[in-house]
Amino acid sequence: MAQSIHLPKDLGFTQDLYIMPFDHRGSFQEKLFGIKGRNPTEEETREIASYKKMIYDGFKKAIAAGVPREKGGILVDEQFGSEILKECKAEGFMTACPAEKSGQDEFDFEYGEEFGKHIQKFSPTFVKVLVRYNPHSDSTLNQRQAERLKKLSLFCHSHQIKYMFELLVPATADQLKSVAGSTSRYDHELRPNLMVEAMEQLQDSGVEPDVWKLEGIETIEDCKRVAAQARVGGRSQVGVIVLGRGENAEKVKHWLSTAAKVPGLIGFAVGRTIFWEPLKGVKDGTHSREHAIQQIANNYKAFCDLWTKARS
């Protein structure tokens, strides 16, 4: 385990963090607009950007309705959200940008060796990576990912940008077989241990997130274990937030209510659960953009209120 003297200066983030993530690219294009296996046209790019603007407008409406301004933040991509990132930063909100290529099983940089220039273009509060990493899968693949992720870690910490690490732990074939093919049993019985193990492996590889963004955890005991791993070895200020994974609202409410009770878990990043149905309604013509924006605001504020109530 790395000693605390080798850790980046000012590592960590401790204030509550309510992130609205809409940096989806591949899934957004394909599932909402039917664009698959090709790049969107200029006109399609503008339309997708206009849908993302609805999410941002919903976020701002929720802030105006009482979500604490200093706790709210957005996560959006450069491809469809450049203007949103600029406006959000100018408004003084926290911002986060993704660094990964969308929809890849192996982490790689969206902009290759130019990743640093693209980050500095927006100077976000956080750089976020989404990584699929199972500690028992291909060790060569894991090592290759860890080397790239360490490179990003060093860049962030040397440029005073916070590093947000979204860790997904997909089951291996053997792990799924051991729970009779049940993804629900995998989530309950195996994933918490594997997440802690993955975090430890990545820390040992020199990857130092300020905030871990983790899949929902069912029990307070498991929440305590991931918080302890996040803060091991002098990393006492490192935070953990819970992601929504596109689950139904009831499941997400359970995850947030559980996490909010544990020190070290500082908030959430819930996206599709908040905005997908409202946007789909606009696309299908069943309601107006204004209606969708209000729905998004209501949904986001409800999760913020839930966290605050569970916290207290």
Protein backbone atom coordinates (compact mmCIF):
# COMPACT_ATOMS: atom_id res chain seq x y z
CA MET A 1 0.00 0.00 0.00
CA ALA A 2 1.27 3.48 -0.89
CA GLN A 3 2.38 5.49 2.14
CA SER A 4 0.63 8.74 2.93
CA ILE A 5 3.79 10.78 2.19
CA HIS A 6 3.48 9.78 -1.48
CA LEU A 7 -0.16 10.83 -1.76
CA PRO A 8 -1.07 13.92 -3.78
CA LYS A 9 -1.36 17.14 -1.81
CA ASP A 10 -4.95 18.10 -0.93
CA LEU A 11 -6.25 14.67 -1.96
CA GLY A 12 -9.97 14.25 -1.46
CA PHE A 13 -13.31 16.04 -1.42
CA THR A 14 -15.54 16.12 1.65
CA GLN A 15 -18.53 18.40 0.99
CA ASP A 16 -21.87 16.93 -0.05
CA LEU A 17 -22.09 16.47 -3.80
CA TYR A 18 -25.31 16.15 -5.80
CA ILE A 19 -24.24 15.47 -9.38
CA MET A 20 -26.55 15.48 -12.39
CA PRO A 21 -24.68 13.28 -14.91
CA PHE A 22 -25.63 13.53 -18.58
CA ASP A 23 -22.33 12.79 -20.27
CA HIS A 24 -23.91 9.77 -22.02
CA ARG A 25 -22.85 9.70 -25.66
CA GLY A 26 -23.17 6.31 -27.40
CA SER A 27 -26.22 5.19 -25.39
CA PHE A 28 -27.88 8.61 -25.75
CA GLN A 29 -27.45 8.64 -29.55
CA GLU A 30 -28.58 5.06 -30.01
CA LYS A 31 -31.46 4.72 -27.54
CA LEU A 32 -33.01 8.15 -27.88
CA PHE A 33 -32.19 9.06 -31.49
CA GLY A 34 -31.59 5.67 -33.17
CA ILE A 35 -28.09 6.64 -34.33
CA LYS A 36 -25.94 3.51 -34.36
CA GLY A 37 -22.62 2.62 -35.99
CA ARG A 38 -21.97 6.14 -37.30
CA ASN A 39 -21.29 9.67 -36.13
CA PRO A 40 -24.26 12.03 -35.86
CA THR A 41 -24.70 14.67 -38.55
CA GLU A 42 -24.30 18.36 -37.67
CA GLU A 43 -28.07 18.71 -37.44
CA GLU A 44 -28.36 15.63 -35.20
CA THR A 45 -25.52 16.94 -33.01
CA ARG A 46 -27.42 20.21 -32.52
CA GLU A 47 -30.61 18.31 -31.66
CA ILE A 48 -28.84 16.09 -29.12
CA ALA A 49 -27.22 19.20 -27.60
CA SER A 50 -30.69 20.78 -27.30
CA TYR A 51 -31.92 17.74 -25.36
CA LYS A 52 -28.95 18.00 -23.01
CA LYS A 53 -29.78 21.69 -22.57
CA MET A 54 -33.20 20.61 -21.24
CA ILE A 55 -31.43 18.59 -18.54
CA TYR A 56 -29.27 21.58 -17.61
CA ASP A 57 -32.34 23.85 -17.52
CA GLY A 58 -34.00 21.33 -15.18
CA PHE A 59 -30.91 21.38 -12.97
CA LYS A 60 -30.99 25.19 -12.76
CA LYS A 61 -34.74 25.14 -12.00
CA ALA A 62 -34.09 22.74 -9.10
CA ILE A 63 -31.38 25.06 -7.74
CA ALA A 64 -33.83 27.97 -7.95
CA ALA A 65 -36.36 25.79 -6.07
CA GLY A 66 -34.00 25.24 -3.15
CA VAL A 67 -31.33 22.63 -3.96
CA PRO A 68 -28.20 24.02 -2.24
CA ARG A 69 -26.19 25.78 -4.94
CA GLU A 70 -22.83 24.82 -3.39
CA LYS A 71 -23.71 21.10 -3.46
CA GLY A 72 -25.16 20.80 -6.97
CA GLY A 73 -23.06 20.04 -10.02
CA ILE A 74 -23.28 18.72 -13.57
CA LEU A 75 -21.34 16.11 -15.51
CA VAL A 76 -21.54 16.60 -19.26
CA ASP A 77 -19.40 15.81 -22.30
CA GLU A 78 -17.57 18.17 -24.64
CA GLN A 79 -19.14 16.67 -27.78
CA PHE A 80 -22.72 17.72 -26.99
CA GLY A 81 -22.27 19.94 -23.94
CA SER A 82 -19.51 22.50 -24.63
CA GLU A 83 -21.83 25.48 -24.30
CA ILE A 84 -23.42 24.03 -21.16
CA LEU A 85 -19.99 23.56 -19.56
CA LYS A 86 -19.04 27.17 -20.32
CA GLU A 87 -22.33 28.56 -19.03
CA CYS A 88 -22.31 26.36 -15.93
CA LYS A 89 -18.79 27.45 -15.01
CA ALA A 90 -19.69 31.10 -15.58
CA GLU A 91 -22.69 30.61 -13.26
CA GLY A 92 -20.33 29.32 -10.56
CA PHE A 93 -21.64 25.74 -10.41
CA MET A 94 -19.40 22.69 -10.05
CA THR A 95 -18.65 20.99 -13.36
CA ALA A 96 -17.28 17.60 -14.38
CA CYS A 97 -16.09 16.34 -17.78
CA PRO A 98 -15.57 12.72 -18.87
CA ALA A 99 -12.14 11.64 -20.13
CA GLU A 100 -13.04 8.18 -21.45
CA LYS A 101 -14.13 6.99 -24.88
CA SER A 102 -17.82 6.19 -24.66
CA GLY A 103 -19.07 2.59 -24.52
CA GLN A 104 -15.67 0.84 -24.42
CA ASP A 105 -14.98 -2.27 -22.34
CA GLU A 106 -11.38 -1.10 -21.86
CA PHE A 107 -10.65 2.42 -20.65
CA ASP A 108 -8.92 4.68 -23.13
CA PHE A 109 -8.79 8.44 -23.57
CA GLU A 110 -11.50 10.06 -25.70
CA TYR A 111 -8.94 12.42 -27.21
CA GLY A 112 -5.83 10.22 -27.00
CA GLU A 113 -2.64 12.06 -26.03
CA GLU A 114 -4.49 15.38 -26.40
CA PHE A 115 -6.59 14.60 -23.31
CA GLY A 116 -4.88 17.31 -21.23
CA LYS A 117 -5.63 20.10 -23.72
CA HIS A 118 -9.30 19.15 -23.78
CA ILE A 119 -9.50 19.13 -19.99
CA GLN A 120 -7.80 22.52 -19.71
CA LYS A 121 -10.15 24.00 -22.30
CA PHE A 122 -12.94 23.84 -19.69
CA SER A 123 -11.00 23.73 -16.39
CA PRO A 124 -13.74 21.66 -14.72
CA THR A 125 -14.01 21.06 -10.98
CA PHE A 126 -13.70 17.31 -11.69
CA VAL A 127 -12.39 15.08 -14.44
CA LYS A 128 -14.42 11.88 -14.46
CA VAL A 129 -13.53 8.46 -15.81
CA LEU A 130 -15.82 5.47 -16.21
CA VAL A 131 -13.87 2.22 -15.88
CA ARG A 132 -14.94 -1.42 -16.06
CA TYR A 133 -12.53 -3.24 -13.79
CA ASN A 134 -13.01 -6.63 -12.17
CA PRO A 135 -10.00 -7.60 -9.99
CA HIS A 136 -10.36 -11.25 -11.11
CA SER A 137 -10.58 -10.63 -14.85
CA ASP A 138 -7.69 -10.43 -17.34
CA SER A 139 -4.67 -9.14 -15.37
CA THR A 140 -2.94 -7.80 -18.50
CA LEU A 141 -6.04 -5.78 -19.38
CA ASN A 142 -6.31 -4.50 -15.80
CA GLN A 143 -2.65 -3.46 -15.75
CA ARG A 144 -3.00 -1.67 -19.09
CA GLN A 145 -6.01 0.26 -17.79
CA ALA A 146 -4.30 1.06 -14.50
CA GLU A 147 -1.29 2.59 -16.29
CA ARG A 148 -3.53 4.95 -18.28
CA LEU A 149 -5.57 5.79 -15.19
CA LYS A 150 -2.44 6.60 -13.20
CA LYS A 151 -1.36 8.95 -16.00
CA LEU A 152 -4.69 10.79 -15.68
CA SER A 153 -4.39 10.79 -11.89
CA LEU A 154 -0.99 12.49 -12.09
CA PHE A 155 -2.30 15.03 -14.61
CA CYS A 156 -5.31 15.97 -12.46
CA HIS A 157 -3.32 16.35 -9.26
CA SER A 158 -0.58 18.38 -10.94
CA HIS A 159 -3.21 20.77 -12.39
CA GLN A 160 -5.34 21.12 -9.23
CA ILE A 161 -8.35 19.41 -10.82
CA LYS A 162 -10.26 16.85 -8.77
CA TYR A 163 -10.30 13.25 -10.03
CA MET A 164 -13.69 11.45 -10.02
CA PHE A 165 -13.46 7.71 -10.63
CA GLU A 166 -16.56 5.78 -11.70
CA LEU A 167 -15.84 2.12 -11.01
CA LEU A 168 -18.05 -0.54 -12.57
CA VAL A 169 -17.31 -4.16 -11.65
CA PRO A 170 -18.92 -6.37 -14.29
CA ALA A 171 -19.19 -10.04 -13.32
CA THR A 172 -16.87 -12.58 -14.92
CA ALA A 173 -18.51 -15.70 -16.40
CA ASP A 174 -17.34 -17.79 -13.42
CA GLN A 175 -18.63 -15.27 -10.87
CA LEU A 176 -22.04 -15.18 -12.54
CA LYS A 177 -22.10 -18.98 -12.70
CA SER A 178 -21.38 -19.14 -8.94
CA VAL A 179 -24.66 -17.27 -8.27
CA ALA A 180 -26.70 -19.32 -10.76
CA GLY A 181 -26.64 -16.53 -13.34
CA SER A 182 -28.49 -14.09 -11.07
CA THR A 183 -27.28 -10.50 -11.46
CA SER A 184 -29.27 -9.58 -8.36
CA ARG A 185 -27.41 -12.17 -6.27
CA TYR A 186 -24.12 -11.00 -7.80
CA ASP A 187 -24.91 -7.42 -6.71
CA HIS A 188 -25.74 -8.56 -3.17
CA GLU A 189 -23.26 -11.36 -2.52
CA LEU A 190 -20.16 -10.73 -4.64
CA ARG A 191 -19.94 -7.18 -5.94
CA PRO A 192 -19.27 -5.37 -2.62
CA ASN A 193 -16.14 -7.46 -1.93
CA LEU A 194 -14.98 -7.14 -5.53
CA MET A 195 -15.40 -3.35 -5.45
CA VAL A 196 -13.21 -3.08 -2.35
CA GLU A 197 -10.62 -5.37 -3.93
CA ALA A 198 -10.66 -3.36 -7.18
CA MET A 199 -10.23 -0.09 -5.27
CA GLU A 200 -7.23 -1.52 -3.42
CA GLN A 201 -5.60 -2.78 -6.63
CA LEU A 202 -6.04 0.60 -8.29
CA GLN A 203 -4.69 2.49 -5.27
CA ASP A 204 -1.68 0.18 -5.24
CA SER A 205 -1.17 1.03 -8.94
CA GLY A 206 -0.91 4.76 -8.15
CA VAL A 207 -4.48 5.70 -9.12
CA GLU A 208 -5.66 8.30 -6.58
CA PRO A 209 -9.26 9.51 -6.97
CA ASP A 210 -10.52 12.42 -4.90
CA VAL A 211 -14.01 10.97 -5.27
CA TRP A 212 -15.02 7.36 -6.01
CA LYS A 213 -18.29 7.03 -7.92
CA LEU A 214 -19.64 3.57 -7.12
CA GLU A 215 -22.57 1.37 -8.02
CA GLY A 216 -25.33 1.29 -5.41
CA ILE A 217 -24.64 -0.68 -2.25
CA GLU A 218 -27.42 -2.50 -0.43
CA THR A 219 -26.25 -2.42 3.20
CA ILE A 220 -24.76 0.05 5.65
CA GLU A 221 -22.01 -2.48 6.48
CA ASP A 222 -20.88 -2.64 2.85
CA CYS A 223 -21.06 1.16 2.57
CA LYS A 224 -18.74 1.39 5.58
CA ARG A 225 -16.30 -1.02 3.94
CA VAL A 226 -16.03 0.95 0.69
CA ALA A 227 -15.67 4.20 2.66
CA ALA A 228 -12.86 2.63 4.72
CA GLN A 229 -11.07 1.47 1.55
CA ALA A 230 -11.46 4.89 -0.08
CA ARG A 231 -9.86 6.49 2.99
CA VAL A 232 -7.19 3.90 3.76
CA GLY A 233 -3.53 4.82 4.32
CA GLY A 234 -3.79 8.56 4.89
CA ARG A 235 -6.52 9.22 2.31
CA SER A 236 -8.78 10.58 5.05
CA GLN A 237 -10.51 13.23 2.92
CA VAL A 238 -11.44 11.02 -0.05
CA GLY A 239 -15.21 10.84 -0.69
CA VAL A 240 -17.57 8.27 -2.21
CA ILE A 241 -20.71 9.04 -4.21
CA VAL A 242 -23.35 6.56 -5.38
CA LEU A 243 -24.42 6.29 -9.01
CA GLY A 244 -27.94 5.50 -10.18
CA ARG A 245 -27.11 2.99 -12.94
CA GLY A 246 -30.38 3.82 -14.72
CA GLU A 247 -32.33 1.86 -12.09
CA ASN A 248 -35.94 2.56 -11.10
CA ALA A 249 -36.55 5.34 -8.59
CA GLU A 250 -37.37 2.98 -5.69
CA LYS A 251 -34.07 1.10 -6.02
CA VAL A 252 -32.12 4.38 -6.23
CA LYS A 253 -33.95 5.75 -3.19
CA HIS A 254 -32.88 2.69 -1.19
CA TRP A 255 -29.24 3.10 -2.24
CA LEU A 256 -29.19 6.81 -1.37
CA SER A 257 -31.01 6.37 1.94
CA THR A 258 -28.48 3.70 2.93
CA ALA A 259 -25.39 5.62 1.78
CA ALA A 260 -26.42 8.92 3.39
CA LYS A 261 -26.12 7.37 6.85
CA VAL A 262 -22.41 6.51 6.43
CA PRO A 263 -19.52 8.96 6.99
CA GLY A 264 -17.34 9.20 3.89
CA LEU A 265 -20.27 8.77 1.52
CA ILE A 266 -20.89 12.33 0.40
CA GLY A 267 -23.61 12.22 -2.24
CA PHE A 268 -24.77 10.81 -5.53
CA ALA A 269 -24.68 11.02 -9.33
CA VAL A 270 -28.10 10.04 -10.65
CA GLY A 271 -28.86 10.71 -14.32
CA ARG A 272 -31.11 8.49 -16.43
CA THR A 273 -33.49 7.80 -13.52
CA ILE A 274 -34.07 11.57 -13.43
CA PHE A 275 -34.14 12.62 -17.07
CA TRP A 276 -34.81 9.63 -19.35
CA GLU A 277 -38.62 9.48 -19.24
CA PRO A 278 -39.05 13.28 -19.53
CA LEU A 279 -36.76 13.40 -22.59
CA LYS A 280 -38.43 10.36 -24.13
CA GLY A 281 -41.77 12.13 -23.77
CA VAL A 282 -40.47 15.12 -25.75
CA LYS A 283 -39.04 12.81 -28.43
CA ASP A 284 -42.36 10.91 -28.67
CA GLY A 285 -44.32 14.15 -28.78
CA THR A 286 -46.35 13.30 -25.66
CA HIS A 287 -45.39 16.48 -23.81
CA SER A 288 -43.60 19.80 -24.21
CA ARG A 289 -39.99 20.74 -23.50
CA GLU A 290 -41.19 22.97 -20.63
CA HIS A 291 -42.99 20.00 -19.07
CA ALA A 292 -39.85 17.85 -19.38
CA ILE A 293 -37.65 20.55 -17.79
CA GLN A 294 -40.05 20.81 -14.84
CA GLN A 295 -40.14 17.02 -14.43
CA ILE A 296 -36.34 16.83 -14.46
CA ALA A 297 -36.17 19.60 -11.85
CA ASN A 298 -38.72 17.83 -9.64
CA ASN A 299 -36.98 14.45 -9.94
CA TYR A 300 -33.52 15.86 -9.18
CA LYS A 301 -34.77 17.93 -6.24
CA ALA A 302 -36.58 14.88 -4.81
CA PHE A 303 -33.30 12.93 -4.66
CA CYS A 304 -31.48 15.91 -3.12
CA ASP A 305 -34.23 16.24 -0.48
CA LEU A 306 -34.11 12.49 0.17
CA TRP A 307 -30.34 12.62 0.77
CA THR A 308 -30.66 15.59 3.13
CA LYS A 309 -33.42 13.88 5.12
CA ALA A 310 -31.57 10.53 5.34
CA ARG A 311 -28.38 12.38 6.34
CA SER A 312 -30.07 14.01 9.30
